[in-house]
Amino acid sequence: MDSSYRIIMNRKLLYLLILVMFSTSAFAGGGWTHKQRHGYFKISQWWVLSNSHYTDLGKIDPNITSGLFNTSIYGEYGITNRINGIIYFPFFSRALHYNLYSGTTGDLILPGQSINSIGDTNIGIKYGIIQDQRFVLSTTITLGLPFGNSSGGSDGSLQTGDGEFNQMLSLDFSTSLPIGKVNTYYSTYIGFNNRTKGFSDEFRYGVEAGATFFNKLTTIFKLYGVKSLRNGSSTIDNATSIFSNNVEFTALSSEVAYDVFSKIGLSASITVPLAGKLIYADNAYSIGVYMKF
């Protein structure tokens, strides 16, 4: 059997809820909560194009070039000083495959295809356990709503969602520290994601550090990951993207945000996978416009 054909036979493209879910803004997240009627809003474009993936053994194998593009809104709003509402809504999601050619003859095996839809959506409530102190602590309950297309394209491998409803409980611990004229902050979080429809539950973790220069330019670095508990029954575990069952990864993200005006700014980020299983092996990028109020 042609090697290129074997690649397409063992691939099922799915889309990224966590970086997703983790496509948070430069000033959002962490252990802090917004004061009542204050918050943060961001519209962004996130994308990944990949011709390789991590196998279930953590090795890197080639695949047909595939991509995912999400145009989304992210918002946090202070319902009270301690309770915040959170939403991540990819109102336009595009998944695609390039043409697949034979590696021996160069003949076209499978023409490229794409689907467009909304994507899986997250809504959450954050509660500030400890606030207005040097060290702050909050907990968040996030619901993952399966609004995306879980079986698109001629072979069902194009997806803008995984079709399962999940619930995640997380804890964020943060502190800030001025160093001269530079304001810095540091955060860490852990989370447990309960998945349905036979998908394995997940343990999530991460650390983050940021610095603001001249009260306008903020740089952020994040190291985070997902560990599957491998307690699910779903057979969707040989995917070459990021949303298959038993996905695992460790990634490093860098983001820059600049306040063009006092309340409005621009941001850009890159996420680099350091290791993984059943996930894309290429970088993801995003650009966005945010507003603080």
C-alpha atoms as a PDB file:
ATOM      1  CA  MET A   1       0.000   0.000   0.000  1.00  0.00           C
ATOM      2  CA  ASP A   2       1.315   3.507  -0.875  1.00  0.00           C
ATOM      3  CA  SER A   3       2.871   5.227   2.163  1.00  0.00           C
ATOM      4  CA  SER A   4       0.926   8.425   1.501  1.00  0.00           C
ATOM      5  CA  TYR A   5      -2.283   6.415   1.449  1.00  0.00           C
ATOM      6  CA  ARG A   6      -1.443   4.847   4.825  1.00  0.00           C
ATOM      7  CA  ILE A   7      -1.021   8.338   6.258  1.00  0.00           C
ATOM      8  CA  ILE A   8      -4.549   9.344   5.322  1.00  0.00           C
ATOM      9  CA  MET A   9      -5.976   6.020   6.487  1.00  0.00           C
ATOM     10  CA  ASN A  10      -4.710   6.435  10.067  1.00  0.00           C
ATOM     11  CA  ARG A  11      -5.559  10.109  10.394  1.00  0.00           C
ATOM     12  CA  LYS A  12      -8.625  11.721  11.907  1.00  0.00           C
ATOM     13  CA  LEU A  13      -8.347  15.482  12.088  1.00  0.00           C
ATOM     14  CA  LEU A  14      -9.773  17.105  15.181  1.00  0.00           C
ATOM     15  CA  TYR A  15      -9.472  20.615  16.491  1.00  0.00           C
ATOM     16  CA  LEU A  16      -7.758  22.283  19.451  1.00  0.00           C
ATOM     17  CA  LEU A  17     -10.041  23.038  22.373  1.00  0.00           C
ATOM     18  CA  ILE A  18      -7.163  23.845  24.938  1.00  0.00           C
ATOM     19  CA  LEU A  19      -5.008  25.939  23.125  1.00  0.00           C
ATOM     20  CA  VAL A  20      -7.932  27.107  22.575  1.00  0.00           C
ATOM     21  CA  MET A  21      -9.218  26.997  25.648  1.00  0.00           C
ATOM     22  CA  PHE A  22      -5.797  28.410  26.381  1.00  0.00           C
ATOM     23  CA  SER A  23      -5.918  31.121  23.714  1.00  0.00           C
ATOM     24  CA  THR A  24      -6.276  33.529  26.604  1.00  0.00           C
ATOM     25  CA  SER A  25      -5.372  37.144  26.361  1.00  0.00           C
ATOM     26  CA  ALA A  26      -2.406  38.988  27.697  1.00  0.00           C
ATOM     27  CA  PHE A  27      -4.272  40.341  30.685  1.00  0.00           C
ATOM     28  CA  ALA A  28      -6.836  37.605  31.253  1.00  0.00           C
ATOM     29  CA  GLY A  29      -6.634  34.581  33.480  1.00  0.00           C
ATOM     30  CA  GLY A  30      -4.467  33.990  36.503  1.00  0.00           C
ATOM     31  CA  GLY A  31      -5.642  34.109  40.095  1.00  0.00           C
ATOM     32  CA  TRP A  32      -7.054  37.625  39.903  1.00  0.00           C
ATOM     33  CA  THR A  33     -10.692  38.506  39.324  1.00  0.00           C
ATOM     34  CA  HIS A  34     -12.050  41.672  37.733  1.00  0.00           C
ATOM     35  CA  LYS A  35     -13.912  44.150  39.894  1.00  0.00           C
ATOM     36  CA  GLN A  36     -17.667  44.399  39.455  1.00  0.00           C
ATOM     37  CA  ARG A  37     -18.704  45.666  35.996  1.00  0.00           C
ATOM     38  CA  HIS A  38     -15.087  45.642  34.823  1.00  0.00           C
ATOM     39  CA  GLY A  39     -13.534  43.141  32.474  1.00  0.00           C
ATOM     40  CA  TYR A  40     -11.670  42.249  29.337  1.00  0.00           C
ATOM     41  CA  PHE A  41     -12.711  41.487  25.766  1.00  0.00           C
ATOM     42  CA  LYS A  42     -10.635  40.149  22.878  1.00  0.00           C
ATOM     43  CA  ILE A  43     -11.262  39.206  19.271  1.00  0.00           C
ATOM     44  CA  SER A  44      -8.533  37.083  17.743  1.00  0.00           C
ATOM     45  CA  GLN A  45      -7.450  34.893  14.862  1.00  0.00           C
ATOM     46  CA  TRP A  46      -5.708  31.629  15.752  1.00  0.00           C
ATOM     47  CA  TRP A  47      -4.317  29.127  13.254  1.00  0.00           C
ATOM     48  CA  VAL A  48      -2.110  26.099  12.767  1.00  0.00           C
ATOM     49  CA  LEU A  49      -0.886  24.373   9.596  1.00  0.00           C
ATOM     50  CA  SER A  50       0.887  21.069  10.058  1.00  0.00           C
ATOM     51  CA  ASN A  51       2.429  18.329   7.938  1.00  0.00           C
ATOM     52  CA  SER A  52       3.606  16.246  10.904  1.00  0.00           C
ATOM     53  CA  HIS A  53       2.196  14.878  14.144  1.00  0.00           C
ATOM     54  CA  TYR A  54       3.182  13.135  17.348  1.00  0.00           C
ATOM     55  CA  THR A  55       2.245   9.455  17.398  1.00  0.00           C
ATOM     56  CA  ASP A  56       0.855   7.602  20.419  1.00  0.00           C
ATOM     57  CA  LEU A  57       4.482   6.765  21.274  1.00  0.00           C
ATOM     58  CA  GLY A  58       5.595  10.391  21.175  1.00  0.00           C
ATOM     59  CA  LYS A  59       7.472  10.057  17.879  1.00  0.00           C
ATOM     60  CA  ILE A  60       7.025  12.498  14.993  1.00  0.00           C
ATOM     61  CA  ASP A  61       5.513  11.167  11.750  1.00  0.00           C
ATOM     62  CA  PRO A  62       4.501  12.969   8.530  1.00  0.00           C
ATOM     63  CA  ASN A  63       0.896  13.501   7.471  1.00  0.00           C
ATOM     64  CA  ILE A  64      -1.046  15.262   4.768  1.00  0.00           C
ATOM     65  CA  THR A  65      -0.840  19.017   5.369  1.00  0.00           C
ATOM     66  CA  SER A  66      -3.854  19.940   7.477  1.00  0.00           C
ATOM     67  CA  GLY A  67      -4.948  23.130   9.143  1.00  0.00           C
ATOM     68  CA  LEU A  68      -7.361  24.777  11.493  1.00  0.00           C
ATOM     69  CA  PHE A  69      -8.315  28.456  11.665  1.00  0.00           C
ATOM     70  CA  ASN A  70     -10.406  29.916  14.494  1.00  0.00           C
ATOM     71  CA  THR A  71     -11.810  33.433  14.635  1.00  0.00           C
ATOM     72  CA  SER A  72     -13.036  33.909  18.179  1.00  0.00           C
ATOM     73  CA  ILE A  73     -14.135  36.229  20.930  1.00  0.00           C
ATOM     74  CA  TYR A  74     -12.921  35.851  24.489  1.00  0.00           C
ATOM     75  CA  GLY A  75     -14.341  37.779  27.402  1.00  0.00           C
ATOM     76  CA  GLU A  76     -14.192  38.108  31.174  1.00  0.00           C
ATOM     77  CA  TYR A  77     -16.714  40.195  33.125  1.00  0.00           C
ATOM     78  CA  GLY A  78     -16.937  41.069  36.805  1.00  0.00           C
ATOM     79  CA  ILE A  79     -20.389  40.006  37.983  1.00  0.00           C
ATOM     80  CA  THR A  80     -19.206  40.891  41.495  1.00  0.00           C
ATOM     81  CA  ASN A  81     -15.752  41.701  42.853  1.00  0.00           C
ATOM     82  CA  ARG A  82     -15.136  37.992  43.381  1.00  0.00           C
ATOM     83  CA  ILE A  83     -17.305  36.303  40.745  1.00  0.00           C
ATOM     84  CA  ASN A  84     -16.441  36.635  37.052  1.00  0.00           C
ATOM     85  CA  GLY A  85     -18.154  35.228  33.977  1.00  0.00           C
ATOM     86  CA  ILE A  86     -15.928  33.875  31.184  1.00  0.00           C
ATOM     87  CA  ILE A  87     -16.675  32.970  27.571  1.00  0.00           C
ATOM     88  CA  TYR A  88     -14.622  31.673  24.655  1.00  0.00           C
ATOM     89  CA  PHE A  89     -16.657  31.534  21.425  1.00  0.00           C
ATOM     90  CA  PRO A  90     -15.049  30.630  18.061  1.00  0.00           C
ATOM     91  CA  PHE A  91     -17.778  32.061  15.858  1.00  0.00           C
ATOM     92  CA  PHE A  92     -15.943  30.997  12.683  1.00  0.00           C
ATOM     93  CA  SER A  93     -13.877  27.835  12.477  1.00  0.00           C
ATOM     94  CA  ARG A  94     -12.335  26.402   9.307  1.00  0.00           C
ATOM     95  CA  ALA A  95     -10.715  22.961   9.104  1.00  0.00           C
ATOM     96  CA  LEU A  96      -8.960  21.819   5.939  1.00  0.00           C
ATOM     97  CA  HIS A  97      -6.776  19.219   4.244  1.00  0.00           C
ATOM     98  CA  TYR A  98      -4.457  19.930   1.330  1.00  0.00           C
ATOM     99  CA  ASN A  99      -4.351  17.638  -1.704  1.00  0.00           C
ATOM    100  CA  LEU A 100      -2.864  14.210  -1.005  1.00  0.00           C
ATOM    101  CA  TYR A 101      -0.449  12.908  -3.641  1.00  0.00           C
ATOM    102  CA  SER A 102       1.201   9.525  -4.030  1.00  0.00           C
ATOM    103  CA  GLY A 103       4.763   9.493  -2.757  1.00  0.00           C
ATOM    104  CA  THR A 104       5.819   7.134  -5.560  1.00  0.00           C
ATOM    105  CA  THR A 105       3.867   8.172  -8.656  1.00  0.00           C
ATOM    106  CA  GLY A 106       2.910  11.747  -7.836  1.00  0.00           C
ATOM    107  CA  ASP A 107      -0.719  10.986  -8.702  1.00  0.00           C
ATOM    108  CA  LEU A 108      -3.502  12.728  -6.834  1.00  0.00           C
ATOM    109  CA  ILE A 109      -4.955  10.295  -4.273  1.00  0.00           C
ATOM    110  CA  LEU A 110      -7.368  12.572  -2.457  1.00  0.00           C
ATOM    111  CA  PRO A 111      -8.307  16.152  -3.366  1.00  0.00           C
ATOM    112  CA  GLY A 112      -8.126  18.814  -0.707  1.00  0.00           C
ATOM    113  CA  GLN A 113     -11.282  19.713   1.175  1.00  0.00           C
ATOM    114  CA  SER A 114     -12.468  22.032   3.939  1.00  0.00           C
ATOM    115  CA  ILE A 115     -15.414  22.771   6.208  1.00  0.00           C
ATOM    116  CA  ASN A 116     -16.623  25.968   7.875  1.00  0.00           C
ATOM    117  CA  SER A 117     -18.721  26.208  11.046  1.00  0.00           C
ATOM    118  CA  ILE A 118     -18.719  27.615  14.535  1.00  0.00           C
ATOM    119  CA  GLY A 119     -16.432  25.834  16.966  1.00  0.00           C
ATOM    120  CA  ASP A 120     -16.730  24.229  20.367  1.00  0.00           C
ATOM    121  CA  THR A 121     -17.410  26.912  22.967  1.00  0.00           C
ATOM    122  CA  ASN A 122     -16.373  27.386  26.599  1.00  0.00           C
ATOM    123  CA  ILE A 123     -18.339  29.196  29.283  1.00  0.00           C
ATOM    124  CA  GLY A 124     -17.129  29.483  32.845  1.00  0.00           C
ATOM    125  CA  ILE A 125     -17.468  31.033  36.267  1.00  0.00           C
ATOM    126  CA  LYS A 126     -14.396  32.134  38.212  1.00  0.00           C
ATOM    127  CA  TYR A 127     -14.514  32.695  41.970  1.00  0.00           C
ATOM    128  CA  GLY A 128     -11.818  34.652  43.802  1.00  0.00           C
ATOM    129  CA  ILE A 129     -11.015  32.681  46.953  1.00  0.00           C
ATOM    130  CA  ILE A 130      -8.236  35.058  48.051  1.00  0.00           C
ATOM    131  CA  GLN A 131      -8.123  38.548  46.521  1.00  0.00           C
ATOM    132  CA  ASP A 132      -6.560  41.952  47.291  1.00  0.00           C
ATOM    133  CA  GLN A 133      -3.522  40.256  48.820  1.00  0.00           C
ATOM    134  CA  ARG A 134       0.057  39.791  47.687  1.00  0.00           C
ATOM    135  CA  PHE A 135      -0.822  36.226  46.718  1.00  0.00           C
ATOM    136  CA  VAL A 136      -4.209  35.547  45.138  1.00  0.00           C
ATOM    137  CA  LEU A 137      -6.106  32.329  44.534  1.00  0.00           C
ATOM    138  CA  SER A 138      -9.149  31.593  42.403  1.00  0.00           C
ATOM    139  CA  THR A 139     -11.087  28.593  41.164  1.00  0.00           C
ATOM    140  CA  THR A 140     -12.899  28.251  37.842  1.00  0.00           C
ATOM    141  CA  ILE A 141     -15.578  25.896  36.576  1.00  0.00           C
ATOM    142  CA  THR A 142     -15.544  25.687  32.774  1.00  0.00           C
ATOM    143  CA  LEU A 143     -18.129  23.950  30.604  1.00  0.00           C
ATOM    144  CA  GLY A 144     -17.120  22.827  27.115  1.00  0.00           C
ATOM    145  CA  LEU A 145     -20.119  23.011  24.786  1.00  0.00           C
ATOM    146  CA  PRO A 146     -19.974  20.817  21.639  1.00  0.00           C
ATOM    147  CA  PHE A 147     -21.160  23.399  19.100  1.00  0.00           C
ATOM    148  CA  GLY A 148     -18.606  22.444  16.437  1.00  0.00           C
ATOM    149  CA  ASN A 149     -18.842  19.949  13.585  1.00  0.00           C
ATOM    150  CA  SER A 150     -17.562  16.583  14.807  1.00  0.00           C
ATOM    151  CA  SER A 151     -17.615  14.729  11.470  1.00  0.00           C
ATOM    152  CA  GLY A 152     -17.044  16.842   8.386  1.00  0.00           C
ATOM    153  CA  GLY A 153     -15.576  16.187   4.971  1.00  0.00           C
ATOM    154  CA  SER A 154     -15.969  13.180   2.696  1.00  0.00           C
ATOM    155  CA  ASP A 155     -14.377  10.796   5.217  1.00  0.00           C
ATOM    156  CA  GLY A 156     -15.573  12.493   8.420  1.00  0.00           C
ATOM    157  CA  SER A 157     -12.034  13.503   9.372  1.00  0.00           C
ATOM    158  CA  LEU A 158     -12.545  17.276   9.249  1.00  0.00           C
ATOM    159  CA  GLN A 159     -13.745  18.587  12.578  1.00  0.00           C
ATOM    160  CA  THR A 160     -14.263  21.901  14.322  1.00  0.00           C
ATOM    161  CA  GLY A 161     -15.232  20.179  17.573  1.00  0.00           C
ATOM    162  CA  ASP A 162     -15.074  16.800  19.253  1.00  0.00           C
ATOM    163  CA  GLY A 163     -18.785  16.277  19.896  1.00  0.00           C
ATOM    164  CA  GLU A 164     -18.460  15.756  23.657  1.00  0.00           C
ATOM    165  CA  PHE A 165     -19.589  17.870  26.628  1.00  0.00           C
ATOM    166  CA  ASN A 166     -16.847  18.345  29.203  1.00  0.00           C
ATOM    167  CA  GLN A 167     -16.499  20.041  32.566  1.00  0.00           C
ATOM    168  CA  MET A 168     -13.229  21.350  34.014  1.00  0.00           C
ATOM    169  CA  LEU A 169     -12.397  22.494  37.540  1.00  0.00           C
ATOM    170  CA  SER A 170      -9.188  24.497  37.893  1.00  0.00           C
ATOM    171  CA  LEU A 171      -7.203  26.442  40.505  1.00  0.00           C
ATOM    172  CA  ASP A 172      -5.052  29.511  39.722  1.00  0.00           C
ATOM    173  CA  PHE A 173      -2.430  30.875  42.130  1.00  0.00           C
ATOM    174  CA  SER A 174      -0.758  34.194  41.275  1.00  0.00           C
ATOM    175  CA  THR A 175       1.364  37.018  42.598  1.00  0.00           C
ATOM    176  CA  SER A 176       2.799  40.283  41.261  1.00  0.00           C
ATOM    177  CA  LEU A 177       6.148  41.890  41.930  1.00  0.00           C
ATOM    178  CA  PRO A 178       7.471  45.283  40.774  1.00  0.00           C
ATOM    179  CA  ILE A 179      11.123  45.209  39.727  1.00  0.00           C
ATOM    180  CA  GLY A 180      12.240  48.799  39.364  1.00  0.00           C
ATOM    181  CA  LYS A 181       9.861  50.371  36.868  1.00  0.00           C
ATOM    182  CA  VAL A 182       8.828  47.011  35.460  1.00  0.00           C
ATOM    183  CA  ASN A 183       5.687  45.299  36.758  1.00  0.00           C
ATOM    184  CA  THR A 184       5.960  41.515  36.740  1.00  0.00           C
ATOM    185  CA  TYR A 185       3.534  38.731  37.616  1.00  0.00           C
ATOM    186  CA  TYR A 186       3.738  34.985  38.091  1.00  0.00           C
ATOM    187  CA  SER A 187       0.992  32.357  37.962  1.00  0.00           C
ATOM    188  CA  THR A 188       0.534  28.629  38.184  1.00  0.00           C
ATOM    189  CA  TYR A 189      -2.551  26.509  37.673  1.00  0.00           C
ATOM    190  CA  ILE A 190      -3.810  22.949  37.823  1.00  0.00           C
ATOM    191  CA  GLY A 191      -7.057  21.551  36.482  1.00  0.00           C
ATOM    192  CA  PHE A 192      -9.098  18.384  36.098  1.00  0.00           C
ATOM    193  CA  ASN A 193     -11.149  17.974  32.917  1.00  0.00           C
ATOM    194  CA  ASN A 194     -14.043  15.500  33.064  1.00  0.00           C
ATOM    195  CA  ARG A 195     -14.879  14.353  29.518  1.00  0.00           C
ATOM    196  CA  THR A 196     -17.880  12.411  28.232  1.00  0.00           C
ATOM    197  CA  LYS A 197     -18.742  10.038  25.353  1.00  0.00           C
ATOM    198  CA  GLY A 198     -15.901   7.690  26.199  1.00  0.00           C
ATOM    199  CA  PHE A 199     -13.118  10.302  26.088  1.00  0.00           C
ATOM    200  CA  SER A 200     -10.453   9.998  28.779  1.00  0.00           C
ATOM    201  CA  ASP A 201     -10.381  12.539  31.590  1.00  0.00           C
ATOM    202  CA  GLU A 202      -7.405  14.904  31.704  1.00  0.00           C
ATOM    203  CA  PHE A 203      -5.048  16.559  34.168  1.00  0.00           C
ATOM    204  CA  ARG A 204      -3.968  20.039  33.084  1.00  0.00           C
ATOM    205  CA  TYR A 205      -1.165  22.178  34.447  1.00  0.00           C
ATOM    206  CA  GLY A 206       0.839  25.276  33.656  1.00  0.00           C
ATOM    207  CA  VAL A 207       3.059  28.120  34.796  1.00  0.00           C
ATOM    208  CA  GLU A 208       3.115  31.663  33.446  1.00  0.00           C
ATOM    209  CA  ALA A 209       5.242  34.787  33.877  1.00  0.00           C
ATOM    210  CA  GLY A 210       4.770  38.258  32.448  1.00  0.00           C
ATOM    211  CA  ALA A 211       6.332  41.705  32.566  1.00  0.00           C
ATOM    212  CA  THR A 212       4.912  45.117  31.648  1.00  0.00           C
ATOM    213  CA  PHE A 213       7.271  47.824  30.406  1.00  0.00           C
ATOM    214  CA  PHE A 214       6.427  51.550  30.305  1.00  0.00           C
ATOM    215  CA  ASN A 215       2.835  50.645  31.325  1.00  0.00           C
ATOM    216  CA  LYS A 216       2.164  49.775  27.663  1.00  0.00           C
ATOM    217  CA  LEU A 217       4.123  46.730  26.493  1.00  0.00           C
ATOM    218  CA  THR A 218       3.562  43.329  28.103  1.00  0.00           C
ATOM    219  CA  THR A 219       5.502  40.149  27.363  1.00  0.00           C
ATOM    220  CA  ILE A 220       4.219  36.770  28.533  1.00  0.00           C
ATOM    221  CA  PHE A 221       5.708  33.289  28.632  1.00  0.00           C
ATOM    222  CA  LYS A 222       3.674  30.161  29.393  1.00  0.00           C
ATOM    223  CA  LEU A 223       4.649  26.544  29.856  1.00  0.00           C
ATOM    224  CA  TYR A 224       1.660  24.237  30.055  1.00  0.00           C
ATOM    225  CA  GLY A 225       0.449  20.770  29.259  1.00  0.00           C
ATOM    226  CA  VAL A 226      -2.204  18.071  29.292  1.00  0.00           C
ATOM    227  CA  LYS A 227      -1.871  14.553  30.698  1.00  0.00           C
ATOM    228  CA  SER A 228      -4.481  11.951  29.775  1.00  0.00           C
ATOM    229  CA  LEU A 229      -5.727   9.649  32.539  1.00  0.00           C
ATOM    230  CA  ARG A 230      -6.371   7.007  29.843  1.00  0.00           C
ATOM    231  CA  ASN A 231      -9.615   5.914  31.443  1.00  0.00           C
ATOM    232  CA  GLY A 232     -11.839   6.332  28.386  1.00  0.00           C
ATOM    233  CA  SER A 233     -13.288   3.836  25.950  1.00  0.00           C
ATOM    234  CA  SER A 234     -13.307   5.942  22.773  1.00  0.00           C
ATOM    235  CA  THR A 235     -11.346   4.447  19.881  1.00  0.00           C
ATOM    236  CA  ILE A 236     -10.568   7.881  18.441  1.00  0.00           C
ATOM    237  CA  ASP A 237      -6.985   7.638  19.643  1.00  0.00           C
ATOM    238  CA  ASN A 238      -4.883   7.644  16.487  1.00  0.00           C
ATOM    239  CA  ALA A 239      -5.434  11.230  15.382  1.00  0.00           C
ATOM    240  CA  THR A 240      -2.755  13.453  13.962  1.00  0.00           C
ATOM    241  CA  SER A 241      -4.067  16.680  15.405  1.00  0.00           C
ATOM    242  CA  ILE A 242      -4.985  17.868  18.850  1.00  0.00           C
ATOM    243  CA  PHE A 243      -8.445  16.753  19.757  1.00  0.00           C
ATOM    244  CA  SER A 244      -8.282  13.003  19.650  1.00  0.00           C
ATOM    245  CA  ASN A 245      -8.843  10.857  22.698  1.00  0.00           C
ATOM    246  CA  ASN A 246      -5.767  10.479  24.939  1.00  0.00           C
ATOM    247  CA  VAL A 247      -4.075  13.612  23.614  1.00  0.00           C
ATOM    248  CA  GLU A 248      -1.030  14.632  25.650  1.00  0.00           C
ATOM    249  CA  PHE A 249       1.349  17.534  25.154  1.00  0.00           C
ATOM    250  CA  THR A 250       3.730  20.029  26.695  1.00  0.00           C
ATOM    251  CA  ALA A 251       3.918  23.420  24.986  1.00  0.00           C
ATOM    252  CA  LEU A 252       5.703  26.740  25.348  1.00  0.00           C
ATOM    253  CA  SER A 253       3.872  29.930  24.426  1.00  0.00           C
ATOM    254  CA  SER A 254       5.157  33.478  24.038  1.00  0.00           C
ATOM    255  CA  GLU A 255       2.870  36.495  23.701  1.00  0.00           C
ATOM    256  CA  VAL A 256       3.346  40.232  23.230  1.00  0.00           C
ATOM    257  CA  ALA A 257       0.607  42.785  23.922  1.00  0.00           C
ATOM    258  CA  TYR A 258       0.809  46.524  23.320  1.00  0.00           C
ATOM    259  CA  ASP A 259      -1.655  49.136  24.589  1.00  0.00           C
ATOM    260  CA  VAL A 260      -2.217  51.349  21.554  1.00  0.00           C
ATOM    261  CA  PHE A 261      -4.635  53.411  23.649  1.00  0.00           C
ATOM    262  CA  SER A 262      -5.286  53.340  27.384  1.00  0.00           C
ATOM    263  CA  LYS A 263      -7.961  50.633  27.072  1.00  0.00           C
ATOM    264  CA  ILE A 264      -7.353  49.128  23.620  1.00  0.00           C
ATOM    265  CA  GLY A 265      -4.381  47.153  22.358  1.00  0.00           C
ATOM    266  CA  LEU A 266      -2.946  44.589  19.954  1.00  0.00           C
ATOM    267  CA  SER A 267      -1.478  41.171  20.701  1.00  0.00           C
ATOM    268  CA  ALA A 268       0.407  38.396  18.926  1.00  0.00           C
ATOM    269  CA  SER A 269       1.530  34.977  20.121  1.00  0.00           C
ATOM    270  CA  ILE A 270       3.279  31.788  19.078  1.00  0.00           C
ATOM    271  CA  THR A 271       2.871  28.354  20.678  1.00  0.00           C
ATOM    272  CA  VAL A 272       5.575  25.718  20.205  1.00  0.00           C
ATOM    273  CA  PRO A 273       4.890  22.046  21.052  1.00  0.00           C
ATOM    274  CA  LEU A 274       7.804  20.573  22.987  1.00  0.00           C
ATOM    275  CA  ALA A 275       6.486  17.018  23.251  1.00  0.00           C
ATOM    276  CA  GLY A 276       3.225  15.241  22.691  1.00  0.00           C
ATOM    277  CA  LYS A 277       1.122  12.236  21.788  1.00  0.00           C
ATOM    278  CA  LEU A 278      -1.623  12.184  19.141  1.00  0.00           C
ATOM    279  CA  ILE A 279      -1.306  15.883  18.373  1.00  0.00           C
ATOM    280  CA  TYR A 280       0.048  18.239  15.725  1.00  0.00           C
ATOM    281  CA  ALA A 281       3.814  18.758  15.861  1.00  0.00           C
ATOM    282  CA  ASP A 282       3.882  22.273  14.379  1.00  0.00           C
ATOM    283  CA  ASN A 283       3.600  25.777  15.809  1.00  0.00           C
ATOM    284  CA  ALA A 284       0.330  27.638  16.333  1.00  0.00           C
ATOM    285  CA  TYR A 285      -0.047  31.412  15.944  1.00  0.00           C
ATOM    286  CA  SER A 286      -2.545  34.079  16.913  1.00  0.00           C
ATOM    287  CA  ILE A 287      -3.130  37.809  16.550  1.00  0.00           C
ATOM    288  CA  GLY A 288      -5.799  39.838  18.276  1.00  0.00           C
ATOM    289  CA  VAL A 289      -7.321  43.121  19.372  1.00  0.00           C
ATOM    290  CA  TYR A 290      -8.315  43.535  23.018  1.00  0.00           C
ATOM    291  CA  MET A 291     -10.199  46.022  25.161  1.00  0.00           C
ATOM    292  CA  LYS A 292     -10.060  46.544  28.922  1.00  0.00           C
ATOM    293  CA  PHE A 293     -12.984  48.204  30.685  1.00  0.00           C
END
